[in-house]
Amino acid sequence: MQMIEWQSPAGAAYRNSVGLQAAAVRRAKEKLDIATSAVFRHAQAVSVSSGRTAGGGY
Protein backbone atom coordinates (compact mmCIF):
# COMPACT_ATOMS: atom_id res chain seq x y z
CA MET A 1 0.00 0.00 0.00
CA GLN A 2 1.41 3.39 -0.95
CA MET A 3 1.14 6.23 1.54
CA ILE A 4 0.11 8.65 -1.22
CA GLU A 5 -3.07 6.69 -1.84
CA TRP A 6 -3.86 6.21 1.85
CA GLN A 7 -6.93 8.21 2.84
CA SER A 8 -8.00 8.29 6.47
CA PRO A 9 -10.89 10.45 7.71
CA ALA A 10 -8.46 12.33 9.97
CA GLY A 11 -6.04 12.91 7.10
CA ALA A 12 -8.82 14.13 4.84
CA ALA A 13 -10.09 16.48 7.54
CA TYR A 14 -6.56 17.81 8.08
CA ARG A 15 -6.02 18.45 4.36
CA ASN A 16 -9.43 20.13 4.13
CA SER A 17 -8.62 22.34 7.13
CA VAL A 18 -5.23 23.30 5.70
CA GLY A 19 -6.84 24.11 2.36
CA LEU A 20 -9.44 26.33 3.99
CA GLN A 21 -6.79 28.12 6.03
CA ALA A 22 -4.65 28.66 2.94
CA ALA A 23 -7.62 30.17 1.11
CA ALA A 24 -8.34 32.45 4.06
CA VAL A 25 -4.70 33.61 4.14
CA ARG A 26 -4.82 34.32 0.39
CA ARG A 27 -7.99 36.39 0.81
CA ALA A 28 -6.46 38.29 3.74
CA LYS A 29 -3.32 39.03 1.70
CA GLU A 30 -5.42 40.30 -1.20
CA LYS A 31 -7.30 42.62 1.18
CA LEU A 32 -4.03 43.85 2.69
CA ASP A 33 -2.65 44.52 -0.79
CA ILE A 34 -5.77 46.55 -1.63
CA ALA A 35 -5.52 48.48 1.65
CA THR A 36 -1.81 49.14 1.08
CA SER A 37 -2.56 50.57 -2.36
CA ALA A 38 -5.33 52.77 -0.96
CA VAL A 39 -3.08 54.14 1.79
CA PHE A 40 -0.30 54.78 -0.73
CA ARG A 41 -2.67 56.63 -3.09
CA HIS A 42 -4.05 58.68 -0.19
CA ALA A 43 -0.54 59.57 1.00
CA GLN A 44 0.39 60.64 -2.54
CA ALA A 45 -2.77 62.76 -2.86
CA VAL A 46 -2.20 64.44 0.50
CA SER A 47 1.43 65.23 -0.28
CA VAL A 48 0.46 66.74 -3.65
CA SER A 49 -2.36 68.87 -2.23
CA SER A 50 -0.41 69.93 0.86
CA GLY A 51 1.63 73.10 0.91
CA ARG A 52 4.33 71.35 2.87
CA THR A 53 7.78 70.74 1.48
CA ALA A 54 9.64 67.47 1.65
CA GLY A 55 11.33 68.73 4.85
CA GLY A 56 7.95 69.25 6.50
CA GLY A 57 7.89 73.04 6.18
CA TYR A 58 5.58 75.31 4.25
C-alpha atoms as a PDB file:
ATOM      1  CA  MET A   1       0.000   0.000   0.000  1.00  0.00           C
ATOM      2  CA  GLN A   2       1.412   3.390  -0.951  1.00  0.00           C
ATOM      3  CA  MET A   3       1.135   6.229   1.536  1.00  0.00           C
ATOM      4  CA  ILE A   4       0.106   8.654  -1.222  1.00  0.00           C
ATOM      5  CA  GLU A   5      -3.074   6.690  -1.837  1.00  0.00           C
ATOM      6  CA  TRP A   6      -3.862   6.208   1.852  1.00  0.00           C
ATOM      7  CA  GLN A   7      -6.927   8.207   2.840  1.00  0.00           C
ATOM      8  CA  SER A   8      -8.002   8.291   6.472  1.00  0.00           C
ATOM      9  CA  PRO A   9     -10.889  10.448   7.711  1.00  0.00           C
ATOM     10  CA  ALA A  10      -8.462  12.335   9.971  1.00  0.00           C
ATOM     11  CA  GLY A  11      -6.044  12.911   7.098  1.00  0.00           C
ATOM     12  CA  ALA A  12      -8.821  14.127   4.835  1.00  0.00           C
ATOM     13  CA  ALA A  13     -10.088  16.478   7.543  1.00  0.00           C
ATOM     14  CA  TYR A  14      -6.561  17.806   8.077  1.00  0.00           C
ATOM     15  CA  ARG A  15      -6.024  18.454   4.358  1.00  0.00           C
ATOM     16  CA  ASN A  16      -9.427  20.128   4.134  1.00  0.00           C
ATOM     17  CA  SER A  17      -8.616  22.341   7.127  1.00  0.00           C
ATOM     18  CA  VAL A  18      -5.231  23.305   5.702  1.00  0.00           C
ATOM     19  CA  GLY A  19      -6.840  24.105   2.357  1.00  0.00           C
ATOM     20  CA  LEU A  20      -9.444  26.331   3.988  1.00  0.00           C
ATOM     21  CA  GLN A  21      -6.793  28.122   6.027  1.00  0.00           C
ATOM     22  CA  ALA A  22      -4.646  28.658   2.937  1.00  0.00           C
ATOM     23  CA  ALA A  23      -7.622  30.167   1.110  1.00  0.00           C
ATOM     24  CA  ALA A  24      -8.342  32.454   4.064  1.00  0.00           C
ATOM     25  CA  VAL A  25      -4.705  33.608   4.141  1.00  0.00           C
ATOM     26  CA  ARG A  26      -4.815  34.323   0.388  1.00  0.00           C
ATOM     27  CA  ARG A  27      -7.994  36.393   0.809  1.00  0.00           C
ATOM     28  CA  ALA A  28      -6.459  38.295   3.738  1.00  0.00           C
ATOM     29  CA  LYS A  29      -3.323  39.032   1.700  1.00  0.00           C
ATOM     30  CA  GLU A  30      -5.424  40.305  -1.199  1.00  0.00           C
ATOM     31  CA  LYS A  31      -7.299  42.624   1.181  1.00  0.00           C
ATOM     32  CA  LEU A  32      -4.028  43.854   2.694  1.00  0.00           C
ATOM     33  CA  ASP A  33      -2.646  44.524  -0.789  1.00  0.00           C
ATOM     34  CA  ILE A  34      -5.771  46.555  -1.634  1.00  0.00           C
ATOM     35  CA  ALA A  35      -5.518  48.481   1.645  1.00  0.00           C
ATOM     36  CA  THR A  36      -1.812  49.141   1.077  1.00  0.00           C
ATOM     37  CA  SER A  37      -2.563  50.569  -2.355  1.00  0.00           C
ATOM     38  CA  ALA A  38      -5.325  52.767  -0.965  1.00  0.00           C
ATOM     39  CA  VAL A  39      -3.081  54.136   1.787  1.00  0.00           C
ATOM     40  CA  PHE A  40      -0.301  54.784  -0.730  1.00  0.00           C
ATOM     41  CA  ARG A  41      -2.675  56.629  -3.087  1.00  0.00           C
ATOM     42  CA  HIS A  42      -4.049  58.677  -0.188  1.00  0.00           C
ATOM     43  CA  ALA A  43      -0.536  59.574   0.997  1.00  0.00           C
ATOM     44  CA  GLN A  44       0.388  60.644  -2.535  1.00  0.00           C
ATOM     45  CA  ALA A  45      -2.766  62.761  -2.859  1.00  0.00           C
ATOM     46  CA  VAL A  46      -2.204  64.441   0.503  1.00  0.00           C
ATOM     47  CA  SER A  47       1.432  65.229  -0.276  1.00  0.00           C
ATOM     48  CA  VAL A  48       0.462  66.738  -3.647  1.00  0.00           C
ATOM     49  CA  SER A  49      -2.363  68.869  -2.234  1.00  0.00           C
ATOM     50  CA  SER A  50      -0.409  69.932   0.857  1.00  0.00           C
ATOM     51  CA  GLY A  51       1.625  73.099   0.909  1.00  0.00           C
ATOM     52  CA  ARG A  52       4.335  71.347   2.871  1.00  0.00           C
ATOM     53  CA  THR A  53       7.779  70.736   1.483  1.00  0.00           C
ATOM     54  CA  ALA A  54       9.641  67.467   1.653  1.00  0.00           C
ATOM     55  CA  GLY A  55      11.325  68.731   4.847  1.00  0.00           C
ATOM     56  CA  GLY A  56       7.947  69.252   6.501  1.00  0.00           C
ATOM     57  CA  GLY A  57       7.895  73.035   6.181  1.00  0.00           C
ATOM     58  CA  TYR A  58       5.583  75.307   4.250  1.00  0.00           C
END
